[in-house]
C-alpha cells in the first residue's frame, strides 16, 4: 500500500508548475507573471501582440510639458496671440480639427435655442408630479412637502371637472367660438349665411364618413368596424384650431382606442417652421429668412420699406390695429410692409390686404440670420432662455426693429400708429415722446438708412446694457442714452446729419397722459369746438398719431370723439366698427 501510494501521480491542480502568463479579469487582458516559469512553459509561450519600437505619444511632451515632437513644436511656436490658443480666426492649431469645433459650436447653439421644456415634466424636478406616498429614495420631498402635497391632491379631487362630450345624434359638431368681443359689420349676415352653408356641407361629410363602416353608440361615442379608423375633419371658419382627441375652446372630442377623431382647419394655412420663415403669394415656401426677405423686397420693387412687429395672439389684432395698417397703405399704396411675428400665421393678411393688391407679408425672424454681423448677435444663442423673461415681448420688439432698420433700412411703425400724411421723406429720424424738457425719445416711429451708425450704436448699447427686469431700459431710455452720447460736442455738426430728432408733435401730438380723455365724445358745444381745433392742428402739423394701445386697449372710442375721428381719417375698410 505504501509503495503504491508513493508512486501515485500528483493531480494537475496540485502541481507547482505556474505558467508565465495569467488572465486579468478586471482588465480583460493576459499579463506576464512575475513568478519563475518552468521549462515546459518556456517551450510553449503564448503569442502576444508586439508593440512598436517607437511610440510617438511618449515622446511628444516631456515631464514639464515642453513639446519634443517636431510637428507639435512647430505648431506651438507659431502661436502668436490668445486668439490662436482659443482656435479663433486663422489659428495654426485649427488644422485638421478646427472645422469640427465650428460645426460643434453651431450645433450646441441651435440645440440650446430649440430644446424643449419637457425636462420640467420630470417628476424629480417638479414636486407636484411626485408621489407623496413614495419612498424618500425616489423623490425629493421632505415630510412637510408630503403633507402639503397630500393636501393639494385632496382639494383637487373635490373640484368637479365634468367632461363635455360631443353629441353626434344629429350629426352636428359644434364649432369653436372666437375669443374676445365680436365685431359686427354690415356684411355680417351674409358672412353667417356662408358659414351655415359650409356647415351643411361639413355635416354631410361627417355623415358619409360615419355611414362607411362605423356605428354610433348611445353615449355619443363612436365605435369602429374591422378596426377601421374614422377621421372627422371639422372646419373652423374664423379660428385656426388643431387638436387630436382633445378639447378645443370648450368642445371636447371623445374617441375609443380604435377611432381617431381629429379637428383641424380645412383651409391650408402657412405656419413658420425650420424651413419656411415667411410667406407672400408667388414666392416659394422653402426659403431661409434672408432669402425670403431679399425675394420679397426684390419682387415687390420696394422703394418704401415699412417694418412692424406683432408678438401678441392673432385674436388681439383688432380693427383699431387694422386701421393703423390701413392708414399706412392709404397714403403709401405701393409700400412693402413686413410684419415680424412669432404668433400669427404667415398668411394672416392674405385674405384681406394681399387680396386687395397691397404688398403685406408676415415673416418670423430668424435671429441667427437677422442679427448676424451685429453687436447683438449673441441674443440668437440665448433665445430659448430669453423668451422666459417677464418683458420678453417688449424687448424682442425693441431688438427686432433695430436689427431690421440696420440690415435693410426703411421705416418702422408700432401697430398703434395712425399715419396722417406721407412719411417717405423721413430720413434718420426719431421723435421726442413729450414736449417737456428732458423728455425721452420714443421708438414707435423711426426711419433710418441701411447700416446707420446711430442704429449700430443702439445695437451695441442693447448688448452692453441689456436688463431683462426693466420695461423701458432697452427701448425709449436706450435711444435717449445713445442720442445723448451720439450728439456730443465732438463732431456734432457731422453727427447731426445722421440723426434728426423730431419734436413730439410730429409723431405724438397727444401725450400718453392725455390720451384717455379723447376717447370720450364731447359733451358740450365748447368741448366739441376745442376738439375740432385740436383735430385741425393735428392734421396740419403732425405726420402720425399714437393712440397708446398699452394704456387704452380696454377703451372703445365713442363716436364723434377725437380718437374715433383720427382712427377713421385714412381708413380703407371704413364700415368695420371700432
Protein backbone atom coordinates (compact mmCIF):
# COMPACT_ATOMS: atom_id res chain seq x y z
CA UNK A 1 0.00 0.00 0.00
CA UNK A 2 2.75 2.41 0.91
CA UNK A 3 4.68 1.73 -2.24
CA UNK A 4 1.58 2.17 -4.35
CA UNK A 5 0.71 5.49 -2.76
CA UNK A 6 4.23 6.80 -3.17
CA UNK A 7 4.19 6.14 -6.91
CA UNK A 8 0.69 7.69 -7.49
CA UNK A 9 0.94 10.80 -9.81
CA UNK A 10 0.14 14.21 -8.39
CA UNK A 11 -3.16 15.78 -9.65
CA UNK A 12 -2.74 18.65 -12.14
CA UNK A 13 -4.38 21.12 -9.78
CA UNK A 14 -1.76 20.46 -7.13
CA UNK A 15 1.28 20.79 -9.35
CA UNK A 16 3.52 23.74 -8.51
CA UNK A 17 4.22 24.48 -12.13
CA UNK A 18 2.92 28.05 -12.71
CA UNK A 19 2.51 29.43 -16.22
CA UNK A 20 4.47 32.56 -17.19
CA UNK A 21 1.15 34.22 -18.12
CA UNK A 22 -2.15 34.76 -16.32
CA UNK A 23 -5.53 36.31 -17.22
CA UNK A 24 -6.51 39.59 -15.50
CA UNK A 25 -10.36 39.62 -15.31
CA UNK A 26 -10.53 43.31 -14.37
CA UNK A 27 -8.57 44.49 -17.38
CA UNK A 28 -9.65 41.56 -19.60
CA UNK A 29 -6.04 41.08 -20.64
CA UNK A 30 -3.31 38.44 -20.48
CA UNK A 31 -0.38 39.54 -18.35
CA UNK A 32 3.10 38.07 -17.76
CA UNK A 33 3.63 36.52 -14.37
CA UNK A 34 6.45 37.62 -12.05
CA UNK A 35 6.99 34.04 -10.85
CA UNK A 36 9.77 31.96 -12.46
CA UNK A 37 8.46 29.91 -15.31
CA UNK A 38 9.11 26.21 -15.86
CA UNK A 39 10.99 24.81 -18.81
CA UNK A 40 7.80 23.38 -20.31
CA UNK A 41 6.07 26.77 -20.19
CA UNK A 42 9.04 28.44 -21.82
CA UNK A 43 8.97 25.92 -24.61
CA UNK A 44 5.35 26.85 -25.48
CA UNK A 45 4.84 30.55 -24.76
CA UNK A 46 1.53 32.20 -25.59
CA UNK A 47 1.68 34.55 -28.58
CA UNK A 48 1.33 38.23 -27.62
CA UNK A 49 1.00 41.20 -29.94
CA UNK A 50 4.22 43.12 -30.25
CA UNK A 51 4.33 46.86 -29.56
CA UNK A 52 6.00 49.24 -31.96
CA UNK A 53 9.55 50.15 -31.14
CA UNK A 54 8.72 53.87 -31.19
CA UNK A 55 5.55 55.29 -29.62
CA UNK A 56 5.07 58.96 -30.66
CA UNK A 57 2.73 59.63 -27.77
CA UNK A 58 5.53 59.00 -25.25
CA UNK A 59 7.94 61.46 -26.77
CA UNK A 60 5.54 64.23 -27.78
CA UNK A 61 5.80 66.04 -24.44
CA UNK A 62 8.41 65.98 -21.72
CA UNK A 63 7.69 65.93 -17.99
CA UNK A 64 7.49 69.73 -17.86
CA UNK A 65 5.05 69.90 -20.83
CA UNK A 66 7.67 71.06 -23.31
CA UNK A 67 6.86 69.60 -26.74
CA UNK A 68 9.55 67.35 -28.15
CA UNK A 69 7.81 66.20 -31.30
CA UNK A 70 8.94 68.43 -34.21
CA UNK A 71 5.43 68.87 -35.63
CA UNK A 72 3.96 69.83 -32.25
CA UNK A 73 6.90 72.12 -31.53
CA UNK A 74 6.46 73.91 -34.86
CA UNK A 75 2.72 74.43 -34.34
CA UNK A 76 3.25 75.72 -30.79
CA UNK A 77 5.94 78.14 -31.93
CA UNK A 78 3.56 79.70 -34.47
CA UNK A 79 1.03 80.68 -31.75
CA UNK A 80 1.23 84.47 -31.53
CA UNK A 81 -1.87 85.53 -29.57
CA UNK A 82 -4.60 84.34 -27.28
CA UNK A 83 -6.94 84.06 -30.26
CA UNK A 84 -4.67 81.37 -31.69
CA UNK A 85 -4.84 79.38 -28.47
CA UNK A 86 -8.66 79.68 -28.46
CA UNK A 87 -8.80 78.45 -32.07
CA UNK A 88 -10.20 81.75 -33.29
CA UNK A 89 -9.71 83.34 -36.69
CA UNK A 90 -6.89 81.61 -38.62
CA UNK A 91 -5.17 79.81 -35.77
CA UNK A 92 -2.46 77.32 -36.84
CA UNK A 93 -3.82 74.89 -34.26
CA UNK A 94 -7.11 74.61 -36.18
CA UNK A 95 -5.54 72.45 -38.85
CA UNK A 96 -7.30 69.12 -39.03
CA UNK A 97 -9.98 69.64 -36.37
CA UNK A 98 -10.79 73.36 -36.24
CA UNK A 99 -13.69 72.90 -38.67
CA UNK A 100 -15.15 70.24 -36.39
CA UNK A 101 -15.12 72.71 -33.50
CA UNK A 102 -17.02 75.28 -35.59
CA UNK A 103 -19.72 72.81 -36.54
CA UNK A 104 -19.95 71.59 -32.96
CA UNK A 105 -20.42 75.14 -31.66
CA UNK A 106 -23.19 75.80 -34.20
CA UNK A 107 -24.93 72.59 -33.15
CA UNK A 108 -24.71 73.42 -29.47
CA UNK A 109 -26.05 76.93 -30.03
CA UNK A 110 -29.04 75.72 -32.04
CA UNK A 111 -29.65 72.83 -29.69
CA UNK A 112 -29.81 75.27 -26.81
CA UNK A 113 -32.22 77.53 -28.68
CA UNK A 114 -34.67 74.86 -29.79
CA UNK A 115 -34.63 72.35 -26.96
CA UNK A 116 -37.99 71.72 -25.38
CA UNK A 117 -39.41 72.23 -21.92
CA UNK A 118 -40.13 68.55 -21.34
CA UNK A 119 -37.49 68.43 -18.62
CA UNK A 120 -39.90 70.37 -16.41
CA UNK A 121 -42.25 67.38 -16.59
CA UNK A 122 -39.65 65.15 -14.94
CA UNK A 123 -41.16 64.18 -11.57
CA UNK A 124 -37.78 64.56 -9.89
CA UNK A 125 -37.70 68.22 -10.98
CA UNK A 126 -41.34 69.01 -10.21
CA UNK A 127 -42.59 68.35 -6.65
CA UNK A 128 -46.24 68.50 -7.77
CA UNK A 129 -45.70 65.47 -10.03
CA UNK A 130 -44.06 63.35 -7.34
CA UNK A 131 -45.88 60.65 -5.42
CA UNK A 132 -46.31 61.69 -1.77
CA UNK A 133 -46.50 58.02 -0.74
CA UNK A 134 -43.27 57.01 -2.46
CA UNK A 135 -40.09 56.27 -0.58
CA UNK A 136 -37.59 59.03 0.12
CA UNK A 137 -35.07 57.46 -2.23
CA UNK A 138 -37.25 58.05 -5.30
CA UNK A 139 -38.47 61.58 -4.51
CA UNK A 140 -37.04 64.84 -3.28
CA UNK A 141 -39.90 65.58 -0.91
CA UNK A 142 -39.47 66.25 2.77
CA UNK A 143 -42.05 65.24 5.37
CA UNK A 144 -43.63 68.70 5.23
CA UNK A 145 -43.70 68.55 1.42
CA UNK A 146 -45.56 65.24 1.55
CA UNK A 147 -48.20 66.65 3.88
CA UNK A 148 -48.69 69.72 1.69
CA UNK A 149 -48.86 67.65 -1.49
CA UNK A 150 -51.50 65.35 0.00
CA UNK A 151 -53.48 68.47 0.95
CA UNK A 152 -53.30 69.72 -2.63
CA UNK A 153 -54.42 66.37 -4.06
CA UNK A 154 -57.31 66.26 -1.59
CA UNK A 155 -58.57 69.65 -2.76
CA UNK A 156 -58.05 68.81 -6.42
CA UNK A 157 -60.27 65.76 -6.05
CA UNK A 158 -63.04 67.94 -4.64
CA UNK A 159 -63.15 70.14 -7.76
CA UNK A 160 -65.53 68.66 -10.33
CA UNK A 161 -64.39 68.59 -13.94
CA UNK A 162 -67.44 67.32 -15.88
CA UNK A 163 -66.46 66.39 -19.42
CA UNK A 164 -68.43 67.92 -22.26
CA UNK A 165 -68.79 65.30 -24.91
CA UNK A 166 -69.90 65.88 -28.45
CA UNK A 167 -73.38 64.77 -29.27
CA UNK A 168 -73.48 63.09 -32.66
CA UNK A 169 -77.20 62.15 -32.65
CA UNK A 170 -77.90 64.87 -35.19
CA UNK A 171 -74.53 64.52 -36.93
CA UNK A 172 -73.59 68.03 -35.79
CA UNK A 173 -70.36 69.07 -34.18
CA UNK A 174 -70.41 72.49 -32.50
CA UNK A 175 -67.79 74.79 -33.96
CA UNK A 176 -65.30 76.54 -31.66
CA UNK A 177 -66.12 80.11 -30.74
CA UNK A 178 -63.76 83.00 -31.15
CA UNK A 179 -62.32 84.63 -28.06
CA UNK A 180 -62.81 88.31 -27.36
CA UNK A 181 -65.57 90.75 -28.23
CA UNK A 182 -67.40 90.09 -31.51
CA UNK A 183 -67.13 92.85 -34.08
CA UNK A 184 -70.22 93.08 -36.29
CA UNK A 185 -70.15 94.68 -39.72
CA UNK A 186 -72.65 95.35 -42.48
CA UNK A 187 -71.61 92.10 -44.16
CA UNK A 188 -72.17 90.08 -41.01
CA UNK A 189 -75.45 88.49 -42.15
CA UNK A 190 -74.01 87.39 -45.48
CA UNK A 191 -70.97 86.02 -43.68
CA UNK A 192 -73.17 83.99 -41.32
CA UNK A 193 -75.15 82.65 -44.29
CA UNK A 194 -71.94 81.45 -45.92
CA UNK A 195 -70.89 79.79 -42.67
CA UNK A 196 -74.23 77.98 -42.44
CA UNK A 197 -73.85 76.70 -45.99
CA UNK A 198 -70.34 75.50 -45.22
CA UNK A 199 -71.62 73.81 -42.06
CA UNK A 200 -74.25 71.93 -44.10
CA UNK A 201 -71.55 70.60 -46.41
CA UNK A 202 -69.42 69.75 -43.42
CA UNK A 203 -72.20 67.78 -41.77
CA UNK A 204 -72.81 65.82 -44.99
CA UNK A 205 -69.12 64.92 -44.97
CA UNK A 206 -69.34 63.70 -41.39
CA UNK A 207 -72.48 61.72 -42.15
CA UNK A 208 -70.89 59.98 -45.11
CA UNK A 209 -67.86 59.13 -43.00
CA UNK A 210 -69.99 57.69 -40.21
CA UNK A 211 -72.07 55.53 -42.55
CA UNK A 212 -68.97 53.95 -44.09
CA UNK A 213 -68.01 51.22 -41.66
CA UNK A 214 -68.82 52.74 -38.24
CA UNK A 215 -71.74 52.71 -35.80
CA UNK A 216 -72.85 55.14 -33.13
CA UNK A 217 -73.38 54.16 -29.50
CA UNK A 218 -75.93 55.63 -27.15
CA UNK A 219 -73.30 57.51 -25.21
CA UNK A 220 -72.43 59.71 -28.17
CA UNK A 221 -69.09 57.98 -28.80
CA UNK A 222 -68.01 56.21 -31.95
CA UNK A 223 -67.17 52.55 -32.35
CA UNK A 224 -65.32 51.22 -35.37
CA UNK A 225 -65.86 48.10 -37.50
CA UNK A 226 -62.92 45.98 -38.58
CA UNK A 227 -60.53 48.22 -36.66
CA UNK A 228 -61.16 50.99 -39.21
CA UNK A 229 -60.19 54.48 -38.12
CA UNK A 230 -62.64 57.28 -38.74
CA UNK A 231 -61.18 60.67 -39.40
CA UNK A 232 -63.56 63.54 -38.89
CA UNK A 233 -62.47 66.92 -40.19
CA UNK A 234 -64.27 69.89 -38.74
CA UNK A 235 -63.86 73.25 -40.35
CA UNK A 236 -63.43 76.34 -38.20
CA UNK A 237 -64.07 79.39 -40.36
CA UNK A 238 -62.77 82.06 -38.01
CA UNK A 239 -60.30 80.03 -35.95
CA UNK A 240 -57.24 78.03 -36.93
CA UNK A 241 -57.58 75.13 -34.49
CA UNK A 242 -55.58 71.94 -34.25
CA UNK A 243 -56.43 69.16 -31.80
CA UNK A 244 -56.08 65.38 -31.54
CA UNK A 245 -58.63 63.68 -29.36
CA UNK A 246 -58.66 66.72 -27.09
CA UNK A 247 -60.88 69.65 -26.28
CA UNK A 248 -60.86 72.88 -28.27
CA UNK A 249 -62.37 76.06 -26.85
CA UNK A 250 -64.75 74.21 -24.58
CA UNK A 251 -65.57 71.41 -27.04
CA UNK A 252 -64.18 68.03 -26.04
CA UNK A 253 -63.92 65.22 -28.54
CA UNK A 254 -64.04 61.67 -27.18
CA UNK A 255 -62.83 58.63 -29.03
CA UNK A 256 -62.15 54.97 -28.41
CA UNK A 257 -58.77 53.43 -28.98
CA UNK A 258 -59.70 52.20 -32.46
CA UNK A 259 -61.11 55.56 -33.57
CA UNK A 260 -59.08 58.73 -34.11
CA UNK A 261 -61.11 61.94 -34.07
CA UNK A 262 -59.16 64.93 -35.32
CA UNK A 263 -60.18 68.56 -35.60
CA UNK A 264 -58.25 70.78 -37.96
CA UNK A 265 -58.77 73.78 -40.17
CA UNK A 266 -59.76 72.78 -43.68
CA UNK A 267 -58.06 75.87 -45.04
CA UNK A 268 -54.37 75.21 -45.62
CA UNK A 269 -52.70 77.99 -43.71
CA UNK A 270 -48.98 78.57 -43.74
CA UNK A 271 -47.05 78.41 -40.49
CA UNK A 272 -43.39 79.07 -39.77
CA UNK A 273 -41.15 76.06 -39.24
CA UNK A 274 -37.50 75.29 -39.62
CA UNK A 275 -37.70 75.60 -43.41
CA UNK A 276 -40.34 78.29 -44.05
CA UNK A 277 -39.80 81.73 -42.48
CA UNK A 278 -42.12 83.95 -44.50
CA UNK A 279 -44.98 83.92 -46.96
CA UNK A 280 -46.09 86.04 -49.87
CA UNK A 281 -48.09 84.81 -52.88
CA UNK A 282 -45.82 83.91 -55.76
CA UNK A 283 -42.72 83.20 -53.67
CA UNK A 284 -41.50 79.68 -52.83
CA UNK A 285 -42.16 78.45 -49.32
CA UNK A 286 -38.89 76.70 -48.57
CA UNK A 287 -36.76 79.83 -48.26
CA UNK A 288 -34.48 80.87 -45.46
CA UNK A 289 -35.24 84.12 -43.69
CA UNK A 290 -32.67 86.14 -45.63
CA UNK A 291 -33.72 84.57 -48.92
CA UNK A 292 -37.38 85.37 -48.29
CA UNK A 293 -36.67 88.98 -47.32
CA UNK A 294 -34.47 89.52 -50.37
CA UNK A 295 -37.03 87.90 -52.67
CA UNK A 296 -39.97 89.88 -51.25
CA UNK A 297 -38.19 93.23 -51.41
CA UNK A 298 -36.95 92.44 -54.94
CA UNK A 299 -40.24 91.12 -56.36
CA UNK A 300 -42.22 93.95 -54.82
CA UNK A 301 -39.79 96.52 -56.26
CA UNK A 302 -39.93 98.12 -52.85
CA UNK A 303 -38.93 101.74 -52.71
CA UNK A 304 -40.77 102.30 -49.43
CA UNK A 305 -39.98 99.63 -46.86
CA UNK A 306 -42.03 99.53 -43.68
CA UNK A 307 -41.48 97.13 -40.79
CA UNK A 308 -43.82 96.26 -37.95
CA UNK A 309 -43.68 93.75 -35.08
CA UNK A 310 -46.64 91.79 -33.74
CA UNK A 311 -45.99 89.37 -30.88
CA UNK A 312 -49.48 89.04 -29.39
CA UNK A 313 -52.09 86.36 -30.16
CA UNK A 314 -53.87 86.73 -33.53
CA UNK A 315 -57.26 87.49 -31.96
CA UNK A 316 -55.79 90.61 -30.34
CA UNK A 317 -55.23 92.18 -33.77
CA UNK A 318 -58.43 94.24 -33.64
CA UNK A 319 -59.95 96.78 -36.01
CA UNK A 320 -58.01 99.64 -34.41
CA UNK A 321 -54.70 97.91 -35.24
CA UNK A 322 -56.04 97.25 -38.71
CA UNK A 323 -56.72 100.98 -39.01
CA UNK A 324 -53.02 101.65 -38.47
CA UNK A 325 -52.08 99.42 -41.39
CA UNK A 326 -54.89 100.88 -43.48
CA UNK A 327 -53.69 104.44 -42.85
CA UNK A 328 -50.19 103.50 -43.98
CA UNK A 329 -51.45 101.88 -47.20
CA UNK A 330 -53.92 104.74 -47.77
CA UNK A 331 -51.04 107.22 -48.09
CA UNK A 332 -48.48 104.73 -49.48
CA UNK A 333 -50.32 102.14 -51.61
CA UNK A 334 -47.06 100.90 -53.15
CA UNK A 335 -45.27 100.38 -49.83
CA UNK A 336 -43.84 96.96 -48.97
CA UNK A 337 -44.84 96.04 -45.42
CA UNK A 338 -43.19 93.23 -43.45
CA UNK A 339 -44.82 92.24 -40.17
CA UNK A 340 -42.39 90.28 -38.00
CA UNK A 341 -44.27 87.87 -35.76
CA UNK A 342 -43.85 84.63 -33.83
CA UNK A 343 -47.57 84.23 -33.09
CA UNK A 344 -49.69 84.68 -36.25
CA UNK A 345 -49.96 82.62 -39.40
CA UNK A 346 -47.66 83.59 -42.23
CA UNK A 347 -50.70 84.09 -44.48
CA UNK A 348 -52.53 86.16 -41.86
CA UNK A 349 -53.13 89.09 -44.25
CA UNK A 350 -53.61 87.06 -47.45
CA UNK A 351 -57.41 87.12 -47.41
CA UNK A 352 -57.50 90.86 -46.76
CA UNK A 353 -54.80 93.31 -47.73
CA UNK A 354 -52.89 90.96 -50.06
CA UNK A 355 -56.11 90.01 -51.84
CA UNK A 356 -56.80 93.73 -52.36
CA UNK A 357 -53.43 94.14 -54.10
CA UNK A 358 -51.31 95.50 -51.26
CA UNK A 359 -47.84 94.14 -50.57
CA UNK A 360 -48.04 92.92 -46.97
CA UNK A 361 -46.04 89.89 -45.82
CA UNK A 362 -45.57 88.13 -42.49
CA UNK A 363 -42.17 86.73 -41.56
CA UNK A 364 -40.87 85.01 -38.47
CA UNK A 365 -37.42 86.44 -37.73
CA UNK A 366 -34.52 84.04 -37.72
CA UNK A 367 -32.40 85.78 -35.12
CA UNK A 368 -29.25 83.98 -36.21
CA UNK A 369 -29.58 85.47 -39.70
CA UNK A 370 -31.13 88.82 -38.79
CA UNK A 371 -28.56 89.63 -36.07
CA UNK A 372 -25.55 88.31 -37.95
CA UNK A 373 -22.65 90.79 -38.10
CA UNK A 374 -24.30 92.97 -35.43
CA UNK A 375 -23.17 93.54 -31.83
CA UNK A 376 -26.36 91.86 -30.56
CA UNK A 377 -25.85 88.55 -32.35
CA UNK A 378 -25.41 86.77 -29.01
CA UNK A 379 -29.16 87.02 -28.40
CA UNK A 380 -29.74 84.42 -31.12
CA UNK A 381 -27.95 81.80 -29.00
CA UNK A 382 -29.87 82.54 -25.79
CA UNK A 383 -33.32 82.90 -27.37
CA UNK A 384 -34.77 79.91 -25.53
CA UNK A 385 -33.87 81.28 -22.10
CA UNK A 386 -34.56 84.88 -23.15
CA UNK A 387 -38.18 84.20 -24.06
CA UNK A 388 -38.89 83.13 -20.47
CA UNK A 389 -38.20 86.60 -19.09
CA UNK A 390 -41.02 88.87 -17.94
CA UNK A 391 -40.75 91.58 -20.60
CA UNK A 392 -39.64 89.36 -23.46
CA UNK A 393 -42.31 90.55 -25.92
CA UNK A 394 -41.39 94.21 -25.45
CA UNK A 395 -37.64 93.66 -25.51
CA UNK A 396 -37.97 91.35 -28.51
CA UNK A 397 -39.80 94.08 -30.40
CA UNK A 398 -37.13 96.64 -29.47
CA UNK A 399 -34.34 94.43 -30.80
CA UNK A 400 -36.13 93.34 -33.98
CA UNK A 401 -36.90 96.91 -35.07
CA UNK A 402 -33.29 97.98 -34.58
CA UNK A 403 -31.93 94.95 -36.43
CA UNK A 404 -34.37 95.32 -39.34
CA UNK A 405 -33.58 99.01 -39.81
CA UNK A 406 -29.85 98.33 -39.64
CA UNK A 407 -29.94 95.40 -42.08
CA UNK A 408 -32.49 96.65 -44.62
CA UNK A 409 -33.15 100.31 -43.93
CA UNK A 410 -36.62 101.86 -44.07
CA UNK A 411 -39.38 102.91 -41.69
CA UNK A 412 -40.53 101.23 -38.51
CA UNK A 413 -44.04 101.76 -37.12
CA UNK A 414 -45.70 100.46 -33.99
CA UNK A 415 -49.02 98.72 -34.56
CA UNK A 416 -50.87 101.53 -32.71
CA UNK A 417 -49.66 104.29 -35.04
CA UNK A 418 -52.06 106.07 -37.41
CA UNK A 419 -50.35 107.62 -40.44
CA UNK A 420 -51.82 111.01 -41.33
CA UNK A 421 -49.56 112.10 -44.21
CA UNK A 422 -46.78 110.96 -46.47
CA UNK A 423 -43.76 109.90 -44.39
CA UNK A 424 -41.40 108.65 -47.10
CA UNK A 425 -39.27 111.80 -46.87
CA UNK A 426 -38.19 110.93 -43.31
CA UNK A 427 -34.51 110.11 -43.04
CA UNK A 428 -32.55 109.10 -39.92
CA UNK A 429 -35.43 110.38 -37.81
CA UNK A 430 -36.73 109.56 -34.34
CA UNK A 431 -39.18 111.58 -32.27
CA UNK A 432 -39.36 113.05 -28.80
CA UNK A 433 -42.02 111.43 -26.63
CA UNK A 434 -43.19 114.62 -24.93
CA UNK A 435 -42.69 118.34 -25.38
CA UNK A 436 -41.42 118.79 -21.82
CA UNK A 437 -37.73 119.43 -21.27
CA UNK A 438 -35.62 116.34 -20.71
CA UNK A 439 -38.15 114.12 -22.42
CA UNK A 440 -37.05 110.72 -23.69
CA UNK A 441 -37.04 109.57 -27.28
CA UNK A 442 -39.66 107.08 -28.41
CA UNK A 443 -39.07 104.35 -31.00
CA UNK A 444 -42.70 103.93 -32.07
CA UNK A 445 -41.81 105.73 -35.32
CA UNK A 446 -38.29 105.53 -36.75
CA UNK A 447 -36.85 105.99 -40.23
CA UNK A 448 -33.19 105.21 -40.93
CA UNK A 449 -30.91 104.34 -43.77
CA UNK A 450 -29.32 100.92 -44.09
CA UNK A 451 -26.19 100.43 -41.92
CA UNK A 452 -26.96 103.59 -39.95
CA UNK A 453 -24.21 104.44 -37.46
CA UNK A 454 -26.78 105.52 -34.89
CA UNK A 455 -28.67 102.24 -35.13
CA UNK A 456 -25.37 100.37 -34.83
CA UNK A 457 -24.62 102.31 -31.64
CA UNK A 458 -28.08 101.36 -30.37
CA UNK A 459 -27.42 97.67 -31.03
CA UNK A 460 -24.11 97.96 -29.22
CA UNK A 461 -25.83 99.63 -26.29
CA UNK A 462 -28.56 96.97 -26.28
CA UNK A 463 -25.91 94.28 -25.94
CA UNK A 464 -23.79 96.11 -23.36
CA UNK A 465 -26.56 97.35 -21.03
CA UNK A 466 -29.39 94.84 -21.51
CA UNK A 467 -31.57 94.45 -18.42
CA UNK A 468 -34.41 91.92 -18.51
CA UNK A 469 -36.06 93.41 -15.39
CA UNK A 470 -36.84 96.87 -16.82
CA UNK A 471 -39.59 97.77 -19.27
CA UNK A 472 -38.18 100.97 -20.84
CA UNK A 473 -34.47 100.49 -20.20
CA UNK A 474 -33.89 98.72 -23.51
CA UNK A 475 -36.27 100.87 -25.57
CA UNK A 476 -37.03 104.56 -25.08
CA UNK A 477 -34.33 105.05 -22.44
CA UNK A 478 -31.78 103.28 -24.64
CA UNK A 479 -32.49 105.58 -27.57
CA UNK A 480 -32.16 108.58 -25.27
CA UNK A 481 -28.81 107.44 -23.85
CA UNK A 482 -27.34 106.73 -27.27
CA UNK A 483 -28.62 110.04 -28.70
CA UNK A 484 -27.05 112.00 -25.85
CA UNK A 485 -23.69 110.33 -26.46
CA UNK A 486 -24.05 110.40 -30.22
CA UNK A 487 -24.82 114.12 -30.35
CA UNK A 488 -21.91 115.13 -28.14
CA UNK A 489 -19.84 118.20 -28.62
CA UNK A 490 -17.26 116.43 -30.78
CA UNK A 491 -18.22 116.41 -34.46
CA UNK A 492 -21.74 117.48 -33.53
CA UNK A 493 -22.43 119.04 -36.93
CA UNK A 494 -21.44 115.86 -38.79
CA UNK A 495 -23.36 113.52 -36.49
CA UNK A 496 -26.44 115.72 -36.59
CA UNK A 497 -26.74 114.90 -40.30
CA UNK A 498 -27.15 111.21 -39.38
CA UNK A 499 -29.72 111.73 -36.59
CA UNK A 500 -32.75 114.00 -36.78
CA UNK A 501 -34.66 114.32 -33.54
CA UNK A 502 -38.21 115.40 -34.38
CA UNK A 503 -40.33 117.39 -31.89
CA UNK A 504 -43.07 115.50 -30.09
CA UNK A 505 -45.99 116.97 -32.08
CA UNK A 506 -44.67 115.41 -35.33
CA UNK A 507 -45.21 111.80 -34.23
CA UNK A 508 -47.04 112.05 -30.87
CA UNK A 509 -49.41 115.04 -30.94
CA UNK A 510 -51.31 113.70 -27.90
CA UNK A 511 -49.23 112.51 -24.97
CA UNK A 512 -49.83 109.29 -23.07
CA UNK A 513 -51.01 111.32 -20.05
CA UNK A 514 -53.88 112.92 -22.01
CA UNK A 515 -54.91 110.20 -24.46
CA UNK A 516 -57.74 108.62 -22.43
CA UNK A 517 -59.81 111.81 -22.24
CA UNK A 518 -60.10 111.93 -26.03
CA UNK A 519 -61.79 108.52 -26.23
CA UNK A 520 -64.92 110.23 -24.88
CA UNK A 521 -67.18 112.22 -27.16
CA UNK A 522 -67.50 115.94 -26.31
CA UNK A 523 -70.46 116.62 -24.02
CA UNK A 524 -70.88 120.32 -24.78
CA UNK A 525 -70.50 122.58 -27.76
CA UNK A 526 -67.46 124.18 -26.15
CA UNK A 527 -65.67 120.82 -25.85
CA UNK A 528 -66.62 119.98 -29.43
CA UNK A 529 -65.17 123.26 -30.68
CA UNK A 530 -61.96 122.64 -28.75
CA UNK A 531 -61.58 119.14 -30.19
CA UNK A 532 -62.30 120.47 -33.68
CA UNK A 533 -59.45 122.95 -33.32
CA UNK A 534 -57.13 120.27 -31.97
CA UNK A 535 -58.05 117.94 -34.84
CA UNK A 536 -57.33 120.67 -37.38
CA UNK A 537 -53.98 121.37 -35.72
CA UNK A 538 -53.01 117.70 -35.70
CA UNK A 539 -53.91 117.18 -39.35
CA UNK A 540 -51.95 120.28 -40.30
CA UNK A 541 -48.77 119.77 -38.26
CA UNK A 542 -48.41 116.07 -37.42
CA UNK A 543 -47.36 113.13 -39.54
CA UNK A 544 -48.65 110.35 -37.30
CA UNK A 545 -50.94 109.81 -34.32
CA UNK A 546 -50.19 107.40 -31.48
CA UNK A 547 -53.21 106.07 -29.59
CA UNK A 548 -51.01 104.34 -26.93
CA UNK A 549 -52.64 100.93 -27.03
CA UNK A 550 -50.82 99.72 -23.91
CA UNK A 551 -52.88 102.26 -21.93
CA UNK A 552 -56.11 102.30 -23.94
CA UNK A 553 -56.57 98.67 -25.04
CA UNK A 554 -59.66 98.32 -22.83
CA UNK A 555 -61.28 101.56 -24.07
CA UNK A 556 -63.66 101.82 -27.01
CA UNK A 557 -63.61 105.22 -28.73
CA UNK A 558 -67.03 106.79 -28.65
CA UNK A 559 -68.48 108.07 -31.94
CA UNK A 560 -67.54 111.70 -32.66
CA UNK A 561 -64.67 111.52 -30.17
CA UNK A 562 -61.30 112.84 -31.29
CA UNK A 563 -59.71 109.39 -31.29
CA UNK A 564 -62.62 107.96 -33.30
CA UNK A 565 -62.25 110.66 -35.93
CA UNK A 566 -58.48 110.18 -36.19
CA UNK A 567 -58.76 106.39 -36.45
CA UNK A 568 -61.20 106.74 -39.35
CA UNK A 569 -59.39 109.63 -41.03
CA UNK A 570 -57.47 107.46 -43.53
CA UNK A 571 -59.34 104.16 -43.42
CA UNK A 572 -59.82 101.70 -46.26
CA UNK A 573 -62.48 99.43 -44.77
CA UNK A 574 -64.37 102.17 -43.04
CA UNK A 575 -67.57 100.17 -42.46
CA UNK A 576 -65.95 97.90 -39.89
CA UNK A 577 -66.77 99.16 -36.42
CA UNK A 578 -64.06 100.03 -33.93
